[in-house]
Amino acid sequence: MKFAIIETGGKQYRIEPGQSFRVEKLAEAKEGETVIFDKVLLTSEDGKIEIGTPYIEGATVECGFVGNGRAKKVTTIKYKQKSRYYKKRGHRQNFTEVKAETV
């Protein structure tokens, strides 16, 4: 089984070839381009594991750009009883969806 763990947008993702996943929005990504992640923390190929300190030098993960989008709305409410204080806010996080080609 082949996989890698990468870091992007302050988060870590476990990626396998052909897997599609969402990351924080990448401003430089465009239609039909290849996105390259060079912050690879760990790779595993046929039981052989390589761990970086903190990153593996020369290791990259290439992904195809699928599209940009916005996640479902998250609603937050602040409420204090007896003081007529009520605030309701909504937030939709932007994301970029990519599909792993080479790990």
PDB file of N, CA and C in Angstrom:
ATOM      1  N   MET A   1       0.842  -1.177   0.000  1.00  0.00           N
ATOM      2  CA  MET A   1       0.000   0.000   0.000  1.00  0.00           C
ATOM      3  C   MET A   1       0.889   1.243   0.000  1.00  0.00           C
ATOM      4  N   LYS A   2       0.594   2.147  -0.880  1.00  0.00           N
ATOM      5  CA  LYS A   2       1.402   3.350  -1.046  1.00  0.00           C
ATOM      6  C   LYS A   2       0.607   4.560  -0.577  1.00  0.00           C
ATOM      7  N   PHE A   3       1.225   5.373   0.302  1.00  0.00           N
ATOM      8  CA  PHE A   3       0.583   6.604   0.742  1.00  0.00           C
ATOM      9  C   PHE A   3       1.644   7.585   1.215  1.00  0.00           C
ATOM     10  N   ALA A   4       1.208   8.828   1.413  1.00  0.00           N
ATOM     11  CA  ALA A   4       2.093   9.878   1.919  1.00  0.00           C
ATOM     12  C   ALA A   4       1.281  10.775   2.844  1.00  0.00           C
ATOM     13  N   ILE A   5       1.979  11.431   3.753  1.00  0.00           N
ATOM     14  CA  ILE A   5       1.352  12.423   4.617  1.00  0.00           C
ATOM     15  C   ILE A   5       1.989  13.763   4.275  1.00  0.00           C
ATOM     16  N   ILE A   6       1.142  14.725   3.885  1.00  0.00           N
ATOM     17  CA  ILE A   6       1.638  16.041   3.502  1.00  0.00           C
ATOM     18  C   ILE A   6       1.091  17.102   4.450  1.00  0.00           C
ATOM     19  N   GLU A   7       1.702  18.274   4.397  1.00  0.00           N
ATOM     20  CA  GLU A   7       1.231  19.407   5.192  1.00  0.00           C
ATOM     21  C   GLU A   7       0.951  20.568   4.245  1.00  0.00           C
ATOM     22  N   THR A   8      -0.232  21.143   4.377  1.00  0.00           N
ATOM     23  CA  THR A   8      -0.587  22.337   3.622  1.00  0.00           C
ATOM     24  C   THR A   8      -1.687  23.077   4.368  1.00  0.00           C
ATOM     25  N   GLY A   9      -1.609  24.382   4.377  1.00  0.00           N
ATOM     26  CA  GLY A   9      -2.618  25.195   5.045  1.00  0.00           C
ATOM     27  C   GLY A   9      -2.682  24.967   6.542  1.00  0.00           C
ATOM     28  N   GLY A  10      -1.562  24.538   7.151  1.00  0.00           N
ATOM     29  CA  GLY A  10      -1.541  24.307   8.586  1.00  0.00           C
ATOM     30  C   GLY A  10      -2.175  23.003   9.017  1.00  0.00           C
ATOM     31  N   LYS A  11      -2.515  22.145   8.064  1.00  0.00           N
ATOM     32  CA  LYS A  11      -3.136  20.855   8.374  1.00  0.00           C
ATOM     33  C   LYS A  11      -2.347  19.736   7.707  1.00  0.00           C
ATOM     34  N   GLN A  12      -2.530  18.511   8.175  1.00  0.00           N
ATOM     35  CA  GLN A  12      -1.857  17.350   7.611  1.00  0.00           C
ATOM     36  C   GLN A  12      -2.891  16.432   6.969  1.00  0.00           C
ATOM     37  N   TYR A  13      -2.525  15.852   5.819  1.00  0.00           N
ATOM     38  CA  TYR A  13      -3.424  14.990   5.065  1.00  0.00           C
ATOM     39  C   TYR A  13      -2.721  13.693   4.706  1.00  0.00           C
ATOM     40  N   ARG A  14      -3.435  12.565   4.839  1.00  0.00           N
ATOM     41  CA  ARG A  14      -2.934  11.258   4.405  1.00  0.00           C
ATOM     42  C   ARG A  14      -3.480  11.024   3.003  1.00  0.00           C
ATOM     43  N   ILE A  15      -2.564  10.802   2.048  1.00  0.00           N
ATOM     44  CA  ILE A  15      -2.952  10.769   0.644  1.00  0.00           C
ATOM     45  C   ILE A  15      -2.516   9.465  -0.010  1.00  0.00           C
ATOM     46  N   GLU A  16      -3.420   8.896  -0.806  1.00  0.00           N
ATOM     47  CA  GLU A  16      -3.135   7.717  -1.611  1.00  0.00           C
ATOM     48  C   GLU A  16      -3.319   8.088  -3.077  1.00  0.00           C
ATOM     49  N   PRO A  17      -2.657   7.384  -4.006  1.00  0.00           N
ATOM     50  CA  PRO A  17      -2.830   7.699  -5.436  1.00  0.00           C
ATOM     51  C   PRO A  17      -4.290   7.553  -5.863  1.00  0.00           C
ATOM     52  N   GLY A  18      -4.774   8.523  -6.639  1.00  0.00           N
ATOM     53  CA  GLY A  18      -6.145   8.505  -7.132  1.00  0.00           C
ATOM     54  C   GLY A  18      -7.166   9.079  -6.167  1.00  0.00           C
ATOM     55  N   GLN A  19      -6.739   9.435  -4.963  1.00  0.00           N
ATOM     56  CA  GLN A  19      -7.652   9.970  -3.953  1.00  0.00           C
ATOM     57  C   GLN A  19      -7.919  11.451  -4.212  1.00  0.00           C
ATOM     58  N   SER A  20      -9.157  11.847  -4.055  1.00  0.00           N
ATOM     59  CA  SER A  20      -9.534  13.242  -4.199  1.00  0.00           C
ATOM     60  C   SER A  20      -9.796  13.801  -2.806  1.00  0.00           C
ATOM     61  N   PHE A  21      -9.292  15.013  -2.523  1.00  0.00           N
ATOM     62  CA  PHE A  21      -9.422  15.577  -1.196  1.00  0.00           C
ATOM     63  C   PHE A  21      -9.473  17.097  -1.269  1.00  0.00           C
ATOM     64  N   ARG A  22      -9.934  17.714  -0.178  1.00  0.00           N
ATOM     65  CA  ARG A  22     -10.079  19.170  -0.099  1.00  0.00           C
ATOM     66  C   ARG A  22      -9.024  19.745   0.830  1.00  0.00           C
ATOM     67  N   VAL A  23      -8.398  20.841   0.389  1.00  0.00           N
ATOM     68  CA  VAL A  23      -7.418  21.555   1.206  1.00  0.00           C
ATOM     69  C   VAL A  23      -7.863  23.014   1.317  1.00  0.00           C
ATOM     70  N   GLU A  24      -7.195  23.760   2.188  1.00  0.00           N
ATOM     71  CA  GLU A  24      -7.474  25.190   2.273  1.00  0.00           C
ATOM     72  C   GLU A  24      -7.263  25.801   0.888  1.00  0.00           C
ATOM     73  N   LYS A  25      -7.994  26.852   0.576  1.00  0.00           N
ATOM     74  CA  LYS A  25      -7.958  27.422  -0.769  1.00  0.00           C
ATOM     75  C   LYS A  25      -6.543  27.820  -1.184  1.00  0.00           C
ATOM     76  N   LEU A  26      -6.138  27.354  -2.370  1.00  0.00           N
ATOM     77  CA  LEU A  26      -4.839  27.681  -2.951  1.00  0.00           C
ATOM     78  C   LEU A  26      -5.051  28.762  -3.994  1.00  0.00           C
ATOM     79  N   ALA A  27      -4.518  29.948  -3.752  1.00  0.00           N
ATOM     80  CA  ALA A  27      -4.738  31.088  -4.643  1.00  0.00           C
ATOM     81  C   ALA A  27      -4.088  30.881  -6.004  1.00  0.00           C
ATOM     82  N   GLU A  28      -2.962  30.161  -6.053  1.00  0.00           N
ATOM     83  CA  GLU A  28      -2.228  30.017  -7.314  1.00  0.00           C
ATOM     84  C   GLU A  28      -2.751  28.903  -8.205  1.00  0.00           C
ATOM     85  N   ALA A  29      -3.708  28.103  -7.752  1.00  0.00           N
ATOM     86  CA  ALA A  29      -4.226  26.985  -8.534  1.00  0.00           C
ATOM     87  C   ALA A  29      -5.186  27.465  -9.622  1.00  0.00           C
ATOM     88  N   LYS A  30      -5.013  26.922 -10.829  1.00  0.00           N
ATOM     89  CA  LYS A  30      -5.864  27.278 -11.971  1.00  0.00           C
ATOM     90  C   LYS A  30      -6.346  26.003 -12.657  1.00  0.00           C
ATOM     91  N   GLU A  31      -7.361  26.144 -13.507  1.00  0.00           N
ATOM     92  CA  GLU A  31      -7.933  25.017 -14.245  1.00  0.00           C
ATOM     93  C   GLU A  31      -6.875  24.286 -15.071  1.00  0.00           C
ATOM     94  N   GLY A  32      -6.868  22.968 -15.004  1.00  0.00           N
ATOM     95  CA  GLY A  32      -5.986  22.156 -15.830  1.00  0.00           C
ATOM     96  C   GLY A  32      -4.531  22.122 -15.387  1.00  0.00           C
ATOM     97  N   GLU A  33      -4.192  22.755 -14.288  1.00  0.00           N
ATOM     98  CA  GLU A  33      -2.811  22.777 -13.807  1.00  0.00           C
ATOM     99  C   GLU A  33      -2.551  21.622 -12.847  1.00  0.00           C
ATOM    100  N   THR A  34      -1.269  21.367 -12.621  1.00  0.00           N
ATOM    101  CA  THR A  34      -0.847  20.388 -11.637  1.00  0.00           C
ATOM    102  C   THR A  34      -0.380  21.133 -10.393  1.00  0.00           C
ATOM    103  N   VAL A  35      -0.869  20.717  -9.243  1.00  0.00           N
ATOM    104  CA  VAL A  35      -0.477  21.313  -7.970  1.00  0.00           C
ATOM    105  C   VAL A  35       0.562  20.395  -7.334  1.00  0.00           C
ATOM    106  N   ILE A  36       1.697  20.968  -6.924  1.00  0.00           N
ATOM    107  CA  ILE A  36       2.773  20.176  -6.342  1.00  0.00           C
ATOM    108  C   ILE A  36       2.908  20.539  -4.868  1.00  0.00           C
ATOM    109  N   PHE A  37       2.817  19.533  -4.007  1.00  0.00           N
ATOM    110  CA  PHE A  37       3.014  19.706  -2.571  1.00  0.00           C
ATOM    111  C   PHE A  37       4.404  19.173  -2.230  1.00  0.00           C
ATOM    112  N   ASP A  38       5.273  20.044  -1.699  1.00  0.00           N
ATOM    113  CA  ASP A  38       6.637  19.621  -1.395  1.00  0.00           C
ATOM    114  C   ASP A  38       6.892  19.421   0.093  1.00  0.00           C
ATOM    115  N   LYS A  39       5.922  19.719   0.933  1.00  0.00           N
ATOM    116  CA  LYS A  39       6.068  19.496   2.370  1.00  0.00           C
ATOM    117  C   LYS A  39       5.544  18.100   2.709  1.00  0.00           C
ATOM    118  N   VAL A  40       6.360  17.090   2.415  1.00  0.00           N
ATOM    119  CA  VAL A  40       5.991  15.699   2.647  1.00  0.00           C
ATOM    120  C   VAL A  40       6.601  15.264   3.982  1.00  0.00           C
ATOM    121  N   LEU A  41       5.764  14.837   4.905  1.00  0.00           N
ATOM    122  CA  LEU A  41       6.214  14.444   6.243  1.00  0.00           C
ATOM    123  C   LEU A  41       6.583  12.970   6.323  1.00  0.00           C
ATOM    124  N   LEU A  42       5.873  12.115   5.571  1.00  0.00           N
ATOM    125  CA  LEU A  42       6.073  10.675   5.657  1.00  0.00           C
ATOM    126  C   LEU A  42       5.657  10.034   4.349  1.00  0.00           C
ATOM    127  N   THR A  43       6.381   9.004   3.924  1.00  0.00           N
ATOM    128  CA  THR A  43       5.980   8.205   2.764  1.00  0.00           C
ATOM    129  C   THR A  43       6.043   6.739   3.141  1.00  0.00           C
ATOM    130  N   SER A  44       5.173   5.957   2.526  1.00  0.00           N
ATOM    131  CA  SER A  44       5.155   4.519   2.748  1.00  0.00           C
ATOM    132  C   SER A  44       4.919   3.835   1.408  1.00  0.00           C
ATOM    133  N   GLU A  45       5.785   2.883   1.091  1.00  0.00           N
ATOM    134  CA  GLU A  45       5.646   2.131  -0.153  1.00  0.00           C
ATOM    135  C   GLU A  45       5.998   0.678   0.123  1.00  0.00           C
ATOM    136  N   ASP A  46       5.007  -0.204  -0.004  1.00  0.00           N
ATOM    137  CA  ASP A  46       5.177  -1.637   0.227  1.00  0.00           C
ATOM    138  C   ASP A  46       5.786  -1.935   1.593  1.00  0.00           C
ATOM    139  N   GLY A  47       5.311  -1.253   2.625  1.00  0.00           N
ATOM    140  CA  GLY A  47       5.787  -1.497   3.977  1.00  0.00           C
ATOM    141  C   GLY A  47       7.059  -0.765   4.354  1.00  0.00           C
ATOM    142  N   LYS A  48       7.713  -0.115   3.397  1.00  0.00           N
ATOM    143  CA  LYS A  48       8.929   0.656   3.679  1.00  0.00           C
ATOM    144  C   LYS A  48       8.511   2.082   4.005  1.00  0.00           C
ATOM    145  N   ILE A  49       8.788   2.517   5.234  1.00  0.00           N
ATOM    146  CA  ILE A  49       8.364   3.832   5.695  1.00  0.00           C
ATOM    147  C   ILE A  49       9.563   4.764   5.791  1.00  0.00           C
ATOM    148  N   GLU A  50       9.394   5.982   5.272  1.00  0.00           N
ATOM    149  CA  GLU A  50      10.428   7.011   5.366  1.00  0.00           C
ATOM    150  C   GLU A  50       9.819   8.217   6.075  1.00  0.00           C
ATOM    151  N   ILE A  51      10.481   8.656   7.148  1.00  0.00           N
ATOM    152  CA  ILE A  51       9.984   9.765   7.952  1.00  0.00           C
ATOM    153  C   ILE A  51      10.930  10.946   7.819  1.00  0.00           C
ATOM    154  N   GLY A  52      10.381  12.131   7.619  1.00  0.00           N
ATOM    155  CA  GLY A  52      11.182  13.341   7.465  1.00  0.00           C
ATOM    156  C   GLY A  52      11.461  14.017   8.799  1.00  0.00           C
ATOM    157  N   THR A  53      12.441  14.930   8.774  1.00  0.00           N
ATOM    158  CA  THR A  53      12.786  15.685   9.979  1.00  0.00           C
ATOM    159  C   THR A  53      12.842  17.171   9.683  1.00  0.00           C
ATOM    160  N   PRO A  54      11.839  17.951   9.579  1.00  0.00           N
ATOM    161  CA  PRO A  54      10.438  17.578   9.592  1.00  0.00           C
ATOM    162  C   PRO A  54       9.914  17.133   8.221  1.00  0.00           C
ATOM    163  N   TYR A  55      10.605  17.516   7.139  1.00  0.00           N
ATOM    164  CA  TYR A  55      10.139  17.134   5.800  1.00  0.00           C
ATOM    165  C   TYR A  55      11.173  16.242   5.127  1.00  0.00           C
ATOM    166  N   ILE A  56      10.707  15.443   4.152  1.00  0.00           N
ATOM    167  CA  ILE A  56      11.596  14.585   3.375  1.00  0.00           C
ATOM    168  C   ILE A  56      12.121  15.408   2.206  1.00  0.00           C
ATOM    169  N   GLU A  57      13.438  15.524   2.116  1.00  0.00           N
ATOM    170  CA  GLU A  57      14.045  16.322   1.040  1.00  0.00           C
ATOM    171  C   GLU A  57      13.843  15.638  -0.313  1.00  0.00           C
ATOM    172  N   GLY A  58      13.417  16.427  -1.284  1.00  0.00           N
ATOM    173  CA  GLY A  58      13.243  15.927  -2.645  1.00  0.00           C
ATOM    174  C   GLY A  58      11.942  15.186  -2.888  1.00  0.00           C
ATOM    175  N   ALA A  59      11.150  14.943  -1.870  1.00  0.00           N
ATOM    176  CA  ALA A  59       9.879  14.232  -2.038  1.00  0.00           C
ATOM    177  C   ALA A  59       8.774  15.221  -2.371  1.00  0.00           C
ATOM    178  N   THR A  60       7.964  14.886  -3.359  1.00  0.00           N
ATOM    179  CA  THR A  60       6.831  15.726  -3.739  1.00  0.00           C
ATOM    180  C   THR A  60       5.609  14.854  -4.015  1.00  0.00           C
ATOM    181  N   VAL A  61       4.448  15.469  -3.929  1.00  0.00           N
ATOM    182  CA  VAL A  61       3.191  14.828  -4.287  1.00  0.00           C
ATOM    183  C   VAL A  61       2.544  15.707  -5.346  1.00  0.00           C
ATOM    184  N   GLU A  62       2.270  15.125  -6.515  1.00  0.00           N
ATOM    185  CA  GLU A  62       1.639  15.869  -7.609  1.00  0.00           C
ATOM    186  C   GLU A  62       0.148  15.569  -7.629  1.00  0.00           C
ATOM    187  N   CYS A  63      -0.644  16.622  -7.724  1.00  0.00           N
ATOM    188  CA  CYS A  63      -2.095  16.492  -7.728  1.00  0.00           C
ATOM    189  C   CYS A  63      -2.679  17.317  -8.867  1.00  0.00           C
ATOM    190  N   GLY A  64      -3.739  16.834  -9.443  1.00  0.00           N
ATOM    191  CA  GLY A  64      -4.452  17.575 -10.472  1.00  0.00           C
ATOM    192  C   GLY A  64      -5.512  18.463  -9.844  1.00  0.00           C
ATOM    193  N   PHE A  65      -5.659  19.659 -10.365  1.00  0.00           N
ATOM    194  CA  PHE A  65      -6.640  20.617  -9.861  1.00  0.00           C
ATOM    195  C   PHE A  65      -8.031  20.190 -10.308  1.00  0.00           C
ATOM    196  N   VAL A  66      -8.968  20.069  -9.362  1.00  0.00           N
ATOM    197  CA  VAL A  66     -10.344  19.707  -9.687  1.00  0.00           C
ATOM    198  C   VAL A  66     -11.226  20.947  -9.689  1.00  0.00           C
ATOM    199  N   GLY A  67     -11.106  21.780  -8.657  1.00  0.00           N
ATOM    200  CA  GLY A  67     -11.913  22.994  -8.611  1.00  0.00           C
ATOM    201  C   GLY A  67     -11.874  23.675  -7.256  1.00  0.00           C
ATOM    202  N   ASN A  68     -12.388  24.892  -7.224  1.00  0.00           N
ATOM    203  CA  ASN A  68     -12.532  25.639  -5.982  1.00  0.00           C
ATOM    204  C   ASN A  68     -13.992  25.601  -5.571  1.00  0.00           C
ATOM    205  N   GLY A  69     -14.259  25.779  -4.286  1.00  0.00           N
ATOM    206  CA  GLY A  69     -15.638  25.770  -3.822  1.00  0.00           C
ATOM    207  C   GLY A  69     -15.740  26.340  -2.430  1.00  0.00           C
ATOM    208  N   ARG A  70     -16.954  26.246  -1.887  1.00  0.00           N
ATOM    209  CA  ARG A  70     -17.206  26.705  -0.530  1.00  0.00           C
ATOM    210  C   ARG A  70     -17.933  25.596   0.215  1.00  0.00           C
ATOM    211  N   ALA A  71     -17.537  25.382   1.456  1.00  0.00           N
ATOM    212  CA  ALA A  71     -18.130  24.334   2.281  1.00  0.00           C
ATOM    213  C   ALA A  71     -19.526  24.737   2.739  1.00  0.00           C
ATOM    214  N   LYS A  72     -20.207  23.809   3.396  1.00  0.00           N
ATOM    215  CA  LYS A  72     -21.523  24.102   3.939  1.00  0.00           C
ATOM    216  C   LYS A  72     -21.413  25.174   5.025  1.00  0.00           C
ATOM    217  N   LYS A  73     -22.482  25.902   5.210  1.00  0.00           N
ATOM    218  CA  LYS A  73     -22.487  26.984   6.186  1.00  0.00           C
ATOM    219  C   LYS A  73     -22.445  26.434   7.611  1.00  0.00           C
ATOM    220  N   VAL A  74     -21.591  27.062   8.415  1.00  0.00           N
ATOM    221  CA  VAL A  74     -21.510  26.768   9.842  1.00  0.00           C
ATOM    222  C   VAL A  74     -22.102  27.972  10.561  1.00  0.00           C
ATOM    223  N   THR A  75     -23.103  27.736  11.405  1.00  0.00           N
ATOM    224  CA  THR A  75     -23.779  28.808  12.113  1.00  0.00           C
ATOM    225  C   THR A  75     -23.318  28.836  13.566  1.00  0.00           C
ATOM    226  N   THR A  76     -22.986  30.028  14.043  1.00  0.00           N
ATOM    227  CA  THR A  76     -22.622  30.192  15.457  1.00  0.00           C
ATOM    228  C   THR A  76     -23.596  31.166  16.099  1.00  0.00           C
ATOM    229  N   ILE A  77     -23.922  30.903  17.343  1.00  0.00           N
ATOM    230  CA  ILE A  77     -24.865  31.745  18.072  1.00  0.00           C
ATOM    231  C   ILE A  77     -24.240  32.120  19.408  1.00  0.00           C
ATOM    232  N   LYS A  78     -24.311  33.431  19.733  1.00  0.00           N
ATOM    233  CA  LYS A  78     -23.917  33.920  21.048  1.00  0.00           C
ATOM    234  C   LYS A  78     -25.200  34.391  21.721  1.00  0.00           C
ATOM    235  N   TYR A  79     -25.408  33.948  22.930  1.00  0.00           N
ATOM    236  CA  TYR A  79     -26.648  34.291  23.623  1.00  0.00           C
ATOM    237  C   TYR A  79     -26.368  34.463  25.106  1.00  0.00           C
ATOM    238  N   LYS A  80     -26.928  35.518  25.687  1.00  0.00           N
ATOM    239  CA  LYS A  80     -26.860  35.731  27.129  1.00  0.00           C
ATOM    240  C   LYS A  80     -28.281  35.980  27.622  1.00  0.00           C
ATOM    241  N   GLN A  81     -28.697  35.143  28.524  1.00  0.00           N
ATOM    242  CA  GLN A  81     -30.065  35.268  29.015  1.00  0.00           C
ATOM    243  C   GLN A  81     -30.232  36.496  29.898  1.00  0.00           C
ATOM    244  N   LYS A  82     -31.423  36.983  29.956  1.00  0.00           N
ATOM    245  CA  LYS A  82     -31.843  38.111  30.796  1.00  0.00           C
ATOM    246  C   LYS A  82     -31.263  39.455  30.377  1.00  0.00           C
ATOM    247  N   SER A  83     -30.421  39.499  29.329  1.00  0.00           N
ATOM    248  CA  SER A  83     -29.844  40.783  28.933  1.00  0.00           C
ATOM    249  C   SER A  83     -30.180  41.151  27.490  1.00  0.00           C
ATOM    250  N   ARG A  84     -31.054  40.369  26.871  1.00  0.00           N
ATOM    251  CA  ARG A  84     -31.469  40.615  25.488  1.00  0.00           C
ATOM    252  C   ARG A  84     -30.292  40.653  24.519  1.00  0.00           C
ATOM    253  N   TYR A  85     -29.306  39.810  24.759  1.00  0.00           N
ATOM    254  CA  TYR A  85     -28.128  39.752  23.887  1.00  0.00           C
ATOM    255  C   TYR A  85     -28.193  38.483  23.065  1.00  0.00           C
ATOM    256  N   TYR A  86     -28.220  38.638  21.725  1.00  0.00           N
ATOM    257  CA  TYR A  86     -28.320  37.500  20.826  1.00  0.00           C
ATOM    258  C   TYR A  86     -27.597  37.860  19.534  1.00  0.00           C
ATOM    259  N   LYS A  87     -26.609  37.089  19.141  1.00  0.00           N
ATOM    260  CA  LYS A  87     -25.887  37.294  17.882  1.00  0.00           C
ATOM    261  C   LYS A  87     -25.843  35.976  17.132  1.00  0.00           C
ATOM    262  N   LYS A  88     -26.185  36.031  15.871  1.00  0.00           N
ATOM    263  CA  LYS A  88     -26.146  34.846  15.029  1.00  0.00           C
ATOM    264  C   LYS A  88     -25.270  35.150  13.822  1.00  0.00           C
ATOM    265  N   ARG A  89     -24.254  34.321  13.599  1.00  0.00           N
ATOM    266  CA  ARG A  89     -23.325  34.522  12.496  1.00  0.00           C
ATOM    267  C   ARG A  89     -23.195  33.233  11.702  1.00  0.00           C
ATOM    268  N   GLY A  90     -22.942  33.379  10.403  1.00  0.00           N
ATOM    269  CA  GLY A  90     -22.706  32.225   9.546  1.00  0.00           C
ATOM    270  C   GLY A  90     -21.371  32.354   8.846  1.00  0.00           C
ATOM    271  N   HIS A  91     -20.769  31.222   8.513  1.00  0.00           N
ATOM    272  CA  HIS A  91     -19.458  31.223   7.846  1.00  0.00           C
ATOM    273  C   HIS A  91     -19.384  30.062   6.867  1.00  0.00           C
ATOM    274  N   ARG A  92     -18.871  30.339   5.666  1.00  0.00           N
ATOM    275  CA  ARG A  92     -18.618  29.286   4.671  1.00  0.00           C
ATOM    276  C   ARG A  92     -17.142  29.338   4.311  1.00  0.00           C
ATOM    277  N   GLN A  93     -16.424  28.253   4.572  1.00  0.00           N
ATOM    278  CA  GLN A  93     -14.981  28.185   4.328  1.00  0.00           C
ATOM    279  C   GLN A  93     -14.699  27.877   2.859  1.00  0.00           C
ATOM    280  N   ASN A  94     -13.759  28.612   2.256  1.00  0.00           N
ATOM    281  CA  ASN A  94     -13.327  28.334   0.897  1.00  0.00           C
ATOM    282  C   ASN A  94     -12.377  27.141   0.885  1.00  0.00           C
ATOM    283  N   PHE A  95     -12.429  26.340  -0.179  1.00  0.00           N
ATOM    284  CA  PHE A  95     -11.527  25.212  -0.292  1.00  0.00           C
ATOM    285  C   PHE A  95     -11.129  24.997  -1.748  1.00  0.00           C
ATOM    286  N   THR A  96     -10.056  24.239  -1.951  1.00  0.00           N
ATOM    287  CA  THR A  96      -9.626  23.789  -3.269  1.00  0.00           C
ATOM    288  C   THR A  96      -9.654  22.269  -3.255  1.00  0.00           C
ATOM    289  N   GLU A  97     -10.303  21.672  -4.248  1.00  0.00           N
ATOM    290  CA  GLU A  97     -10.346  20.216  -4.342  1.00  0.00           C
ATOM    291  C   GLU A  97      -9.310  19.761  -5.359  1.00  0.00           C
ATOM    292  N   VAL A  98      -8.478  18.815  -4.966  1.00  0.00           N
ATOM    293  CA  VAL A  98      -7.429  18.274  -5.828  1.00  0.00           C
ATOM    294  C   VAL A  98      -7.505  16.752  -5.818  1.00  0.00           C
ATOM    295  N   LYS A  99      -6.911  16.127  -6.844  1.00  0.00           N
ATOM    296  CA  LYS A  99      -6.881  14.671  -6.944  1.00  0.00           C
ATOM    297  C   LYS A  99      -5.435  14.233  -7.074  1.00  0.00           C
ATOM    298  N   ALA A 100      -4.999  13.339  -6.187  1.00  0.00           N
ATOM    299  CA  ALA A 100      -3.612  12.877  -6.160  1.00  0.00           C
ATOM    300  C   ALA A 100      -3.308  12.038  -7.392  1.00  0.00           C
ATOM    301  N   GLU A 101      -2.226  12.380  -8.082  1.00  0.00           N
ATOM    302  CA  GLU A 101      -1.800  11.609  -9.255  1.00  0.00           C
ATOM    303  C   GLU A 101      -0.589  10.748  -8.922  1.00  0.00           C
ATOM    304  N   THR A 102       0.490  11.373  -8.439  1.00  0.00           N
ATOM    305  CA  THR A 102       1.668  10.602  -8.039  1.00  0.00           C
ATOM    306  C   THR A 102       1.983  10.888  -6.587  1.00  0.00           C
ATOM    307  N   VAL A 103       2.246   9.813  -5.851  1.00  0.00           N
ATOM    308  CA  VAL A 103       2.562   9.928  -4.421  1.00  0.00           C
ATOM    309  C   VAL A 103       3.976   9.419  -4.217  1.00  0.00           C
TER     310      VAL A 103
END
